Structure formats: C-alpha cells, structure tokens
Protein backbone atom coordinates (compact mmCIF):
# COMPACT_ATOMS: atom_id res chain seq x y z
CA MET A 1 0.16 -0.11 0.06
CA THR A 2 1.20 3.64 -0.93
CA THR A 3 0.68 6.35 1.36
CA VAL A 4 1.21 10.18 0.58
CA LEU A 5 3.48 11.40 3.50
CA TYR A 6 3.93 15.00 2.29
CA THR A 7 2.92 17.20 -0.77
CA LYS A 8 4.96 20.32 -1.76
CA ASP A 9 3.84 22.10 -4.92
CA ASP A 10 3.13 19.54 -7.39
CA LEU A 11 5.52 16.78 -5.76
CA GLN A 12 4.37 13.87 -3.51
CA PHE A 13 6.64 12.29 -1.18
CA CYS A 14 5.28 8.59 -0.45
CA ILE A 15 6.03 5.55 1.10
CA SER A 16 5.11 2.02 0.26
CA ASP A 17 5.62 -1.25 2.14
CA LYS A 18 5.57 -3.32 -1.02
CA PHE A 19 8.41 -3.18 -3.81
CA GLU A 20 6.95 -2.11 -7.62
CA SER A 21 9.47 -2.38 -10.31
CA ARG A 22 8.50 0.99 -11.63
CA PHE A 23 10.10 2.44 -8.38
CA LEU A 24 13.50 1.71 -10.32
CA LEU A 25 12.66 4.49 -12.76
CA SER A 26 14.78 6.86 -11.13
CA LEU A 27 17.84 4.94 -11.16
CA VAL A 28 17.34 3.90 -14.81
CA GLU A 29 17.08 7.74 -15.50
CA ASN A 30 20.50 8.05 -13.37
CA VAL A 31 22.12 5.29 -15.42
CA LYS A 32 20.79 6.85 -18.84
CA GLU A 33 22.17 10.13 -17.92
CA LYS A 34 25.85 8.76 -17.19
CA ILE A 35 25.77 6.99 -20.39
CA LEU A 36 24.67 10.16 -22.40
CA THR A 37 27.11 12.40 -20.51
CA ASP A 38 29.94 9.78 -20.80
CA THR A 39 30.35 9.63 -17.22
CA TRP A 40 29.51 5.83 -16.98
CA ASP A 41 31.39 4.34 -14.10
CA ASP A 42 30.85 0.51 -14.76
CA TYR A 43 28.31 0.25 -11.69
CA ASN A 44 24.88 -1.32 -12.62
CA GLU A 45 22.77 0.44 -9.89
CA VAL A 46 19.63 -1.51 -11.24
CA HIS A 47 21.12 -4.63 -10.66
CA HIS A 48 22.77 -3.89 -7.39
CA CYS A 49 19.54 -2.46 -6.09
CA CYS A 50 17.33 -5.45 -7.11
CA ARG A 51 19.86 -7.78 -5.35
CA ILE A 52 19.50 -6.17 -2.31
CA ILE A 53 15.86 -5.89 -2.48
CA HIS A 54 15.66 -9.89 -3.32
CA GLU A 55 18.10 -10.68 -0.52
CA PHE A 56 16.86 -8.51 2.16
CA SER A 57 13.02 -9.59 1.38
CA ARG A 58 14.15 -13.30 2.01
CA THR A 59 15.68 -12.48 5.46
CA PRO A 60 13.45 -13.27 8.28
CA GLY A 61 12.64 -10.20 10.62
CA LEU A 62 13.62 -7.45 8.14
CA SER A 63 11.28 -5.15 6.53
CA MET A 64 11.93 -2.58 3.76
CA ASP A 65 10.19 0.62 3.41
CA PHE A 66 10.00 2.05 -0.14
CA HIS A 67 9.79 5.85 -0.29
CA THR A 68 9.04 7.57 -3.78
CA LEU A 69 9.29 11.18 -4.97
CA ARG A 70 6.43 11.61 -7.69
CA ARG A 71 5.05 14.28 -9.86
CA GLY A 72 1.69 12.91 -11.02
CA GLU A 73 2.41 9.71 -12.53
CA SER A 74 5.97 10.29 -12.72
CA LEU A 75 8.48 8.59 -10.39
CA LEU A 76 11.24 10.87 -9.81
CA GLY A 77 13.05 9.28 -6.82
CA MET A 78 13.43 6.33 -4.63
CA VAL A 79 14.96 5.79 -0.98
CA ILE A 80 15.04 2.36 0.50
CA ILE A 81 14.78 2.06 4.29
CA THR A 82 15.48 -1.30 5.72
CA HIS A 83 14.89 -1.83 9.65
CA GLY A 84 14.11 -4.89 11.93
CA SER A 85 16.57 -7.81 12.47
CA ILE A 86 19.55 -6.11 10.98
CA ALA A 87 22.84 -7.93 11.38
CA PRO A 88 25.26 -5.95 13.48
CA ASP A 89 28.24 -7.19 11.36
CA ILE A 90 26.77 -5.96 7.98
CA TYR A 91 29.58 -3.86 7.40
CA ALA A 92 32.15 -6.06 9.04
CA GLN A 93 33.71 -6.70 5.55
CA HIS A 94 34.58 -3.04 5.66
CA GLY A 95 36.06 -3.30 9.40
CA LEU A 96 32.92 -1.55 10.96
CA HIS A 97 30.62 -2.88 13.37
CA ILE A 98 27.44 -1.07 14.06
CA SER A 99 27.89 0.74 17.76
CA ASP A 100 24.29 1.72 18.32
CA PRO A 101 21.76 -0.81 19.68
CA ILE A 102 20.73 -2.71 16.68
CA HIS A 103 16.95 -2.53 17.19
CA GLU A 104 17.27 1.43 17.29
CA VAL A 105 19.16 1.37 13.88
CA ALA A 106 17.80 1.43 10.14
CA LEU A 107 19.92 1.19 6.89
CA LEU A 108 19.32 3.78 4.23
CA ASN A 109 19.98 1.49 1.46
CA TYR A 110 19.32 3.38 -1.83
CA PHE A 111 18.62 6.91 -2.52
CA HIS A 112 18.42 8.04 -6.12
CA ILE A 113 16.79 11.17 -7.81
CA ALA A 114 16.10 11.28 -11.47
CA PRO A 115 17.63 14.60 -13.14
CA GLU A 116 14.12 16.13 -13.36
CA GLY A 117 13.52 15.76 -9.48
CA ARG A 118 16.90 17.07 -8.42
CA GLY A 119 16.93 20.01 -5.87
CA ASN A 120 14.64 17.99 -3.61
CA GLY A 121 16.91 15.51 -2.12
CA THR A 122 17.98 17.16 0.97
CA PHE A 123 14.53 18.39 2.07
CA TRP A 124 13.08 14.82 1.30
CA ILE A 125 15.85 12.88 3.25
CA ARG A 126 16.30 15.71 6.20
CA ASP A 127 12.58 16.95 6.56
CA ILE A 128 10.32 13.81 5.55
CA VAL A 129 12.32 10.43 5.76
CA MET A 130 14.66 11.13 8.92
CA PRO A 131 12.08 12.49 11.21
CA LEU A 132 9.73 9.83 10.13
CA TYR A 133 12.07 6.98 11.33
CA ALA A 134 13.00 9.08 14.54
CA ASP A 135 9.32 9.08 15.51
CA LEU A 136 9.23 5.12 15.12
CA GLY A 137 12.14 5.08 17.72
CA TYR A 138 15.17 4.68 15.58
CA THR A 139 18.22 6.80 16.42
CA ALA A 140 20.43 6.41 13.42
CA PHE A 141 20.64 5.37 9.71
CA TYR A 142 23.53 3.52 8.63
CA LEU A 143 24.92 3.51 4.98
CA LYS A 144 27.48 3.01 2.79
CA THR A 145 27.87 4.76 -0.68
CA SER A 146 30.58 5.07 -3.38
CA HIS A 147 28.87 7.94 -5.08
CA PRO A 148 30.88 11.00 -4.55
CA LYS A 149 28.19 13.74 -5.70
CA VAL A 150 26.11 12.61 -2.77
CA PHE A 151 28.93 12.86 -0.03
CA PRO A 152 28.31 16.62 0.83
CA LEU A 153 24.66 15.69 1.60
CA TYR A 154 25.48 13.14 3.94
CA ASP A 155 28.43 14.96 5.47
CA ARG A 156 25.88 17.70 6.56
CA LEU A 157 23.43 15.18 7.79
CA GLY A 158 25.87 13.02 9.70
CA ALA A 159 29.46 11.73 9.93
CA VAL A 160 31.73 9.52 7.97
CA ILE A 161 32.51 6.44 10.19
CA GLY A 162 34.74 4.57 7.62
CA HIS A 163 36.01 4.11 4.17
CA TYR A 164 36.49 1.32 1.75
CA THR A 165 37.55 0.82 -1.82
CA HIS A 166 35.92 -2.05 -3.98
CA PRO A 167 36.20 -2.76 -7.80
CA SER A 168 33.76 -1.85 -10.40
CA ASP A 169 31.29 -4.47 -11.86
CA ASN A 170 33.68 -5.42 -14.53
CA MET A 171 37.02 -4.61 -12.56
CA ILE A 172 37.45 -1.42 -14.77
CA HIS A 173 37.58 1.02 -11.90
CA GLN A 174 38.26 1.36 -8.30
CA ARG A 175 35.18 2.76 -6.47
CA LYS A 176 36.03 4.39 -3.14
CA GLY A 177 33.36 4.69 -0.79
CA ARG A 178 32.23 6.05 2.69
CA LEU A 179 30.17 4.47 5.29
CA TYR A 180 27.99 7.06 7.39
CA ARG A 181 26.00 7.40 10.47
CA LEU A 182 23.10 9.83 10.30
CA PRO A 183 21.55 10.46 13.95
CA LEU A 184 17.92 10.71 13.66
CA TYR A 185 15.76 13.66 15.59
CA ALA A 186 12.00 13.70 15.74
CA LYS A 187 10.59 17.09 14.47
CA PRO A 188 7.34 18.04 12.80
CA LEU A 189 6.70 17.82 9.10
CA PRO A 190 7.13 21.44 7.45
CA LYS A 191 4.08 23.02 6.97
CA GLU A 192 2.37 22.44 3.30
C-alpha cells in the first residue's frame, strides 16, 4: 500500500511497504544520464539495487520501506530504508560494526533522484524521511555509498565512520566509498 506522507507544490513524497518495479525508474534515469554524458563508471545500480531488495526480502525479520518522490504519474526518486533484524556485522567486511543498539538502527540502502527531480533531495531526506524514523523510535541511519556527488549531503546530515574501496562490476575502476552514521531527530513535518 502506498501512502502520501507530504505534498509540496506538485510533488508527492510517498511510502510503500511493497516493492513495485516502476520504483526503479529513477535509477534507470540516472544510468541513462551517465551513459549520455559519458560519465559511466561501470556500476550497474539497477542490478545492485534489485539484488539487495531480493536478498533482504528473503531475510526473516527484516522490513523494507520504499519511499518515492512523484510528480503526477512520474516517479522521480526512490529511497529504500531497511529495518528490523539487521545483522550488527553487516559492514564487517569494511572493518566496521554498528555501535548503536541494533533495534534502534535502520539502513538507508538506496537514494536516487532522476535528473528532473533534483533539488529536492536534502529536503526529502532531512525533513521527511529522517524524522519519520525518529518518530518510530530509531536513533540512526547507517549507510554506505560510493557516489561522490552525494558525499556532501551525507556530510551535512551525519558523520563519516569508515572508508572502503571495491572494484567496479567489470573490474575496470576502483570505487572509493564511505560509510556514514546519520543521527535521527524527531521534528514535525514542514507546513504544506
């Protein structure tokens, strides 16, 4: 079921408890932009996102929420939040263990906005998504990312707690990534 959490101008910020393949459209648009601008970095975001969705959906005790940014019927963005029975050593391969009580932690697995939805990311994460999970009793999001364009956003919202490097899908590039902890604080939704 999809619920509209907030409306801003012609945008709707929604949450769904079930995955729909059309949620991937913002990822597809980002890959398309990379190909068209010759900035392809040999990383198939759609494949990796689907792998996480399928892997986590088969893990007992884990729940996934699919946040979408919409303008009418167009899907402009997706955020995936995973919570529940998260393994405390999920980032152990990067030399990091979650330090917060595991029942107070959620994972921010994916955050993508298609080119036509950009300019709404900070507002969406900071003012809609993060307070929602704070209200549900979570104290922090943990995440890992190897997308340098989003580092400044996460730097503003939290702290780097680790670094990693891994090869691209076809071993062409070395992708340098960061692990983050974003503290969550309850606050009311902005006035519409």
